[in-house]
Amino acid sequence: MDDQSPGLIAIYPGSFDPITNGHLDLIARCSRMVSRLIVAILKNESKQPLFSVNERMEMLREVCAVYPNVEIDSFNGLLVDYAATREARLILRGIRAISDYEYELQMALMNRRLRPEIETMFMMAGEAYSFISSRLVKEVIGLGGSISGLVPIPVERRLKQRLLGE
């Protein structure tokens, strides 16, 4: 679908700690369907992230620079309230497995109840990326395994610096 829907703004929320090639695949695919895609990092104080919000925003900006209609941002609070302030009518959520769907469906239904004018679109992860998660990437590299091909090269470098001191 190469024609962009005029004026359609979408939000792709997540922690992106770190961004994986699975995330990047969804960004590339969705950016072709909307006029603007806002990749938004949730500032979640209850989690202990590996990278700060600013570091994650830097990484996202670096790897998403090739997509002129992709913007990087962060937010607090309810996703649908943030989406409304950004005039987004669509929330993008990636699905890797049935277990993701059950959780995402619950969230989408609550979001619809809170803001019925904002739709949620589920996109299946590309086959090559369906097993990748940020948590798994951090675990593999932390145990000395290769994450080549799982994350963009600049992200792999940062992970090696942070976790392996390279």
C-alpha atoms as a PDB file:
ATOM      1  CA  MET A   1       0.000   0.000   0.000  1.00  0.00           C
ATOM      2  CA  ASP A   2       2.155   2.869  -1.241  1.00  0.00           C
ATOM      3  CA  ASP A   3      -0.504   5.579  -1.220  1.00  0.00           C
ATOM      4  CA  GLN A   4      -0.507   7.400   2.064  1.00  0.00           C
ATOM      5  CA  SER A   5      -3.868   8.069   3.619  1.00  0.00           C
ATOM      6  CA  PRO A   6      -4.187  11.852   3.669  1.00  0.00           C
ATOM      7  CA  GLY A   7      -3.841  13.190   7.164  1.00  0.00           C
ATOM      8  CA  LEU A   8      -3.838   9.822   8.951  1.00  0.00           C
ATOM      9  CA  ILE A   9      -1.595   9.997  12.010  1.00  0.00           C
ATOM     10  CA  ALA A  10      -0.666   6.801  13.850  1.00  0.00           C
ATOM     11  CA  ILE A  11       1.083   6.182  17.154  1.00  0.00           C
ATOM     12  CA  TYR A  12       3.368   3.180  17.666  1.00  0.00           C
ATOM     13  CA  PRO A  13       3.888   3.043  21.446  1.00  0.00           C
ATOM     14  CA  GLY A  14       6.348   0.908  23.349  1.00  0.00           C
ATOM     15  CA  SER A  15       9.330   0.776  25.633  1.00  0.00           C
ATOM     16  CA  PHE A  16      11.827   0.103  22.800  1.00  0.00           C
ATOM     17  CA  ASP A  17      14.484  -0.918  25.339  1.00  0.00           C
ATOM     18  CA  PRO A  18      16.145  -1.501  22.933  1.00  0.00           C
ATOM     19  CA  ILE A  19      14.584  -1.199  19.491  1.00  0.00           C
ATOM     20  CA  THR A  20      14.777  -4.504  17.584  1.00  0.00           C
ATOM     21  CA  ASN A  21      14.615  -5.338  13.902  1.00  0.00           C
ATOM     22  CA  GLY A  22      11.070  -6.539  14.598  1.00  0.00           C
ATOM     23  CA  HIS A  23      10.099  -3.040  15.754  1.00  0.00           C
ATOM     24  CA  LEU A  24      11.877  -1.536  12.758  1.00  0.00           C
ATOM     25  CA  ASP A  25      10.010  -3.872  10.383  1.00  0.00           C
ATOM     26  CA  LEU A  26       6.662  -2.662  11.758  1.00  0.00           C
ATOM     27  CA  ILE A  27       7.789   0.975  11.537  1.00  0.00           C
ATOM     28  CA  ALA A  28       8.801   0.539   7.890  1.00  0.00           C
ATOM     29  CA  ARG A  29       5.549  -1.202   6.961  1.00  0.00           C
ATOM     30  CA  CYS A  30       3.225   1.159   8.830  1.00  0.00           C
ATOM     31  CA  SER A  31       5.032   4.300   7.643  1.00  0.00           C
ATOM     32  CA  ARG A  32       3.906   3.410   4.103  1.00  0.00           C
ATOM     33  CA  MET A  33       0.250   3.402   5.189  1.00  0.00           C
ATOM     34  CA  VAL A  34      -0.034   6.662   7.087  1.00  0.00           C
ATOM     35  CA  SER A  35       0.908  10.265   6.507  1.00  0.00           C
ATOM     36  CA  ARG A  36       2.703  10.435   9.876  1.00  0.00           C
ATOM     37  CA  LEU A  37       3.837   7.737  12.290  1.00  0.00           C
ATOM     38  CA  ILE A  38       4.799   8.794  15.804  1.00  0.00           C
ATOM     39  CA  VAL A  39       6.974   6.222  17.545  1.00  0.00           C
ATOM     40  CA  ALA A  40       6.358   7.017  21.200  1.00  0.00           C
ATOM     41  CA  ILE A  41       8.249   5.728  24.217  1.00  0.00           C
ATOM     42  CA  LEU A  42       6.156   5.275  27.339  1.00  0.00           C
ATOM     43  CA  LYS A  43       7.905   6.745  30.372  1.00  0.00           C
ATOM     44  CA  ASN A  44       7.244   3.882  32.788  1.00  0.00           C
ATOM     45  CA  GLU A  45       8.694   4.621  36.205  1.00  0.00           C
ATOM     46  CA  SER A  46       7.893   1.122  37.512  1.00  0.00           C
ATOM     47  CA  LYS A  47      10.328  -0.569  35.098  1.00  0.00           C
ATOM     48  CA  GLN A  48      14.103  -0.520  35.322  1.00  0.00           C
ATOM     49  CA  PRO A  49      15.136   0.097  31.692  1.00  0.00           C
ATOM     50  CA  LEU A  50      18.619  -0.601  30.375  1.00  0.00           C
ATOM     51  CA  PHE A  51      18.626   2.685  28.425  1.00  0.00           C
ATOM     52  CA  SER A  52      17.195   6.042  29.484  1.00  0.00           C
ATOM     53  CA  VAL A  53      14.285   7.539  27.550  1.00  0.00           C
ATOM     54  CA  ASN A  54      16.699  10.022  25.946  1.00  0.00           C
ATOM     55  CA  GLU A  55      19.068   7.227  24.870  1.00  0.00           C
ATOM     56  CA  ARG A  56      16.182   5.236  23.389  1.00  0.00           C
ATOM     57  CA  MET A  57      14.961   8.342  21.552  1.00  0.00           C
ATOM     58  CA  GLU A  58      18.471   8.881  20.129  1.00  0.00           C
ATOM     59  CA  MET A  59      18.645   5.272  18.915  1.00  0.00           C
ATOM     60  CA  LEU A  60      15.182   5.484  17.379  1.00  0.00           C
ATOM     61  CA  ARG A  61      15.989   8.759  15.624  1.00  0.00           C
ATOM     62  CA  GLU A  62      19.179   7.257  14.223  1.00  0.00           C
ATOM     63  CA  VAL A  63      17.575   4.103  12.812  1.00  0.00           C
ATOM     64  CA  CYS A  64      14.346   5.785  11.671  1.00  0.00           C
ATOM     65  CA  ALA A  65      16.012   8.718   9.888  1.00  0.00           C
ATOM     66  CA  VAL A  66      15.363   7.023   6.523  1.00  0.00           C
ATOM     67  CA  TYR A  67      11.596   7.397   7.043  1.00  0.00           C
ATOM     68  CA  PRO A  68      10.694  11.081   6.508  1.00  0.00           C
ATOM     69  CA  ASN A  69       7.199  10.702   7.964  1.00  0.00           C
ATOM     70  CA  VAL A  70       8.328   9.032  11.214  1.00  0.00           C
ATOM     71  CA  GLU A  71       8.655  11.138  14.349  1.00  0.00           C
ATOM     72  CA  ILE A  72      10.094  10.051  17.694  1.00  0.00           C
ATOM     73  CA  ASP A  73       8.513  11.177  20.963  1.00  0.00           C
ATOM     74  CA  SER A  74       7.826  10.060  24.540  1.00  0.00           C
ATOM     75  CA  PHE A  75       4.796  10.314  26.801  1.00  0.00           C
ATOM     76  CA  ASN A  76       3.407   9.770  30.300  1.00  0.00           C
ATOM     77  CA  GLY A  77      -0.056   8.636  31.250  1.00  0.00           C
ATOM     78  CA  LEU A  78      -2.760   7.051  29.171  1.00  0.00           C
ATOM     79  CA  LEU A  79      -1.858   6.222  25.595  1.00  0.00           C
ATOM     80  CA  VAL A  80      -5.244   7.293  24.221  1.00  0.00           C
ATOM     81  CA  ASP A  81      -4.974  10.680  25.902  1.00  0.00           C
ATOM     82  CA  TYR A  82      -1.521  11.149  24.386  1.00  0.00           C
ATOM     83  CA  ALA A  83      -2.854  10.015  20.980  1.00  0.00           C
ATOM     84  CA  ALA A  84      -5.680  12.553  21.212  1.00  0.00           C
ATOM     85  CA  THR A  85      -3.258  15.392  21.992  1.00  0.00           C
ATOM     86  CA  ARG A  86      -1.225  14.404  18.921  1.00  0.00           C
ATOM     87  CA  GLU A  87      -4.412  14.165  16.774  1.00  0.00           C
ATOM     88  CA  ALA A  88      -3.674  10.499  16.056  1.00  0.00           C
ATOM     89  CA  ARG A  89      -6.602   8.350  14.968  1.00  0.00           C
ATOM     90  CA  LEU A  90      -4.722   5.046  14.937  1.00  0.00           C
ATOM     91  CA  ILE A  91      -2.637   3.061  17.422  1.00  0.00           C
ATOM     92  CA  LEU A  92      -0.276   0.470  15.961  1.00  0.00           C
ATOM     93  CA  ARG A  93       0.452  -2.666  17.959  1.00  0.00           C
ATOM     94  CA  GLY A  94       2.683  -5.536  16.896  1.00  0.00           C
ATOM     95  CA  ILE A  95       1.649  -9.134  17.436  1.00  0.00           C
ATOM     96  CA  ARG A  96       4.204 -11.951  17.560  1.00  0.00           C
ATOM     97  CA  ALA A  97       2.099 -14.775  18.990  1.00  0.00           C
ATOM     98  CA  ILE A  98      -1.343 -15.623  20.339  1.00  0.00           C
ATOM     99  CA  SER A  99      -0.140 -14.698  23.834  1.00  0.00           C
ATOM    100  CA  ASP A 100       0.521 -11.138  22.587  1.00  0.00           C
ATOM    101  CA  TYR A 101      -2.953 -10.987  21.043  1.00  0.00           C
ATOM    102  CA  GLU A 102      -4.805 -11.752  24.284  1.00  0.00           C
ATOM    103  CA  TYR A 103      -3.072  -8.921  26.142  1.00  0.00           C
ATOM    104  CA  GLU A 104      -3.255  -6.485  23.213  1.00  0.00           C
ATOM    105  CA  LEU A 105      -6.964  -7.179  22.664  1.00  0.00           C
ATOM    106  CA  GLN A 106      -7.704  -6.324  26.292  1.00  0.00           C
ATOM    107  CA  MET A 107      -5.760  -3.065  25.977  1.00  0.00           C
ATOM    108  CA  ALA A 108      -7.412  -2.194  22.638  1.00  0.00           C
ATOM    109  CA  LEU A 109     -10.895  -2.725  24.060  1.00  0.00           C
ATOM    110  CA  MET A 110     -10.130  -0.527  27.076  1.00  0.00           C
ATOM    111  CA  ASN A 111      -8.681   2.147  24.784  1.00  0.00           C
ATOM    112  CA  ARG A 112     -11.824   1.987  22.627  1.00  0.00           C
ATOM    113  CA  ARG A 113     -13.979   2.446  25.708  1.00  0.00           C
ATOM    114  CA  LEU A 114     -11.919   5.475  26.792  1.00  0.00           C
ATOM    115  CA  ARG A 115     -11.647   7.046  23.320  1.00  0.00           C
ATOM    116  CA  PRO A 116     -13.929   5.379  20.737  1.00  0.00           C
ATOM    117  CA  GLU A 117     -12.676   7.691  17.967  1.00  0.00           C
ATOM    118  CA  ILE A 118      -9.184   6.139  18.120  1.00  0.00           C
ATOM    119  CA  GLU A 119      -8.735   2.757  16.424  1.00  0.00           C
ATOM    120  CA  THR A 120      -6.147   0.094  17.166  1.00  0.00           C
ATOM    121  CA  MET A 121      -4.487  -1.794  14.320  1.00  0.00           C
ATOM    122  CA  PHE A 122      -2.671  -5.054  14.973  1.00  0.00           C
ATOM    123  CA  MET A 123       0.155  -5.936  12.606  1.00  0.00           C
ATOM    124  CA  MET A 124       1.712  -9.358  12.586  1.00  0.00           C
ATOM    125  CA  ALA A 125       5.449  -9.435  13.084  1.00  0.00           C
ATOM    126  CA  GLY A 126       7.393 -10.441   9.988  1.00  0.00           C
ATOM    127  CA  GLU A 127       8.204 -14.156  10.037  1.00  0.00           C
ATOM    128  CA  ALA A 128      11.930 -13.486  10.474  1.00  0.00           C
ATOM    129  CA  TYR A 129      11.214 -11.382  13.577  1.00  0.00           C
ATOM    130  CA  SER A 130       8.339 -13.205  15.262  1.00  0.00           C
ATOM    131  CA  PHE A 131      10.513 -14.572  18.078  1.00  0.00           C
ATOM    132  CA  ILE A 132      12.456 -11.378  18.866  1.00  0.00           C
ATOM    133  CA  SER A 133      11.754  -9.333  21.971  1.00  0.00           C
ATOM    134  CA  SER A 134      13.805  -6.614  23.641  1.00  0.00           C
ATOM    135  CA  ARG A 135      13.949  -8.729  26.794  1.00  0.00           C
ATOM    136  CA  LEU A 136      15.312 -11.750  24.904  1.00  0.00           C
ATOM    137  CA  VAL A 137      17.898  -9.637  23.051  1.00  0.00           C
ATOM    138  CA  LYS A 138      19.215  -8.238  26.348  1.00  0.00           C
ATOM    139  CA  GLU A 139      19.332 -11.710  27.865  1.00  0.00           C
ATOM    140  CA  VAL A 140      21.213 -13.254  24.912  1.00  0.00           C
ATOM    141  CA  ILE A 141      23.875 -10.529  24.687  1.00  0.00           C
ATOM    142  CA  GLY A 142      24.247 -10.455  28.476  1.00  0.00           C
ATOM    143  CA  LEU A 143      25.080 -14.176  28.378  1.00  0.00           C
ATOM    144  CA  GLY A 144      27.625 -13.683  25.596  1.00  0.00           C
ATOM    145  CA  GLY A 145      25.470 -14.729  22.640  1.00  0.00           C
ATOM    146  CA  SER A 146      25.318 -13.075  19.236  1.00  0.00           C
ATOM    147  CA  ILE A 147      22.498 -10.645  18.530  1.00  0.00           C
ATOM    148  CA  SER A 148      23.644  -9.933  14.980  1.00  0.00           C
ATOM    149  CA  GLY A 149      20.592  -9.470  12.760  1.00  0.00           C
ATOM    150  CA  LEU A 150      18.232  -9.058  15.717  1.00  0.00           C
ATOM    151  CA  VAL A 151      18.792  -5.337  16.252  1.00  0.00           C
ATOM    152  CA  PRO A 152      20.031  -2.507  14.021  1.00  0.00           C
ATOM    153  CA  ILE A 153      23.863  -2.232  13.991  1.00  0.00           C
ATOM    154  CA  PRO A 154      23.982   1.092  15.950  1.00  0.00           C
ATOM    155  CA  VAL A 155      21.804  -0.504  18.641  1.00  0.00           C
ATOM    156  CA  GLU A 156      24.024  -3.586  18.764  1.00  0.00           C
ATOM    157  CA  ARG A 157      27.047  -1.319  19.340  1.00  0.00           C
ATOM    158  CA  ARG A 158      25.296   0.463  22.220  1.00  0.00           C
ATOM    159  CA  LEU A 159      24.233  -2.837  23.775  1.00  0.00           C
ATOM    160  CA  LYS A 160      27.800  -4.148  23.619  1.00  0.00           C
ATOM    161  CA  GLN A 161      29.073  -0.934  25.250  1.00  0.00           C
ATOM    162  CA  ARG A 162      26.455  -0.987  28.000  1.00  0.00           C
ATOM    163  CA  LEU A 163      26.452  -4.698  28.819  1.00  0.00           C
ATOM    164  CA  LEU A 164      29.897  -5.903  27.787  1.00  0.00           C
ATOM    165  CA  GLY A 165      32.000  -2.766  28.169  1.00  0.00           C
ATOM    166  CA  GLU A 166      33.195  -2.978  24.548  1.00  0.00           C
END
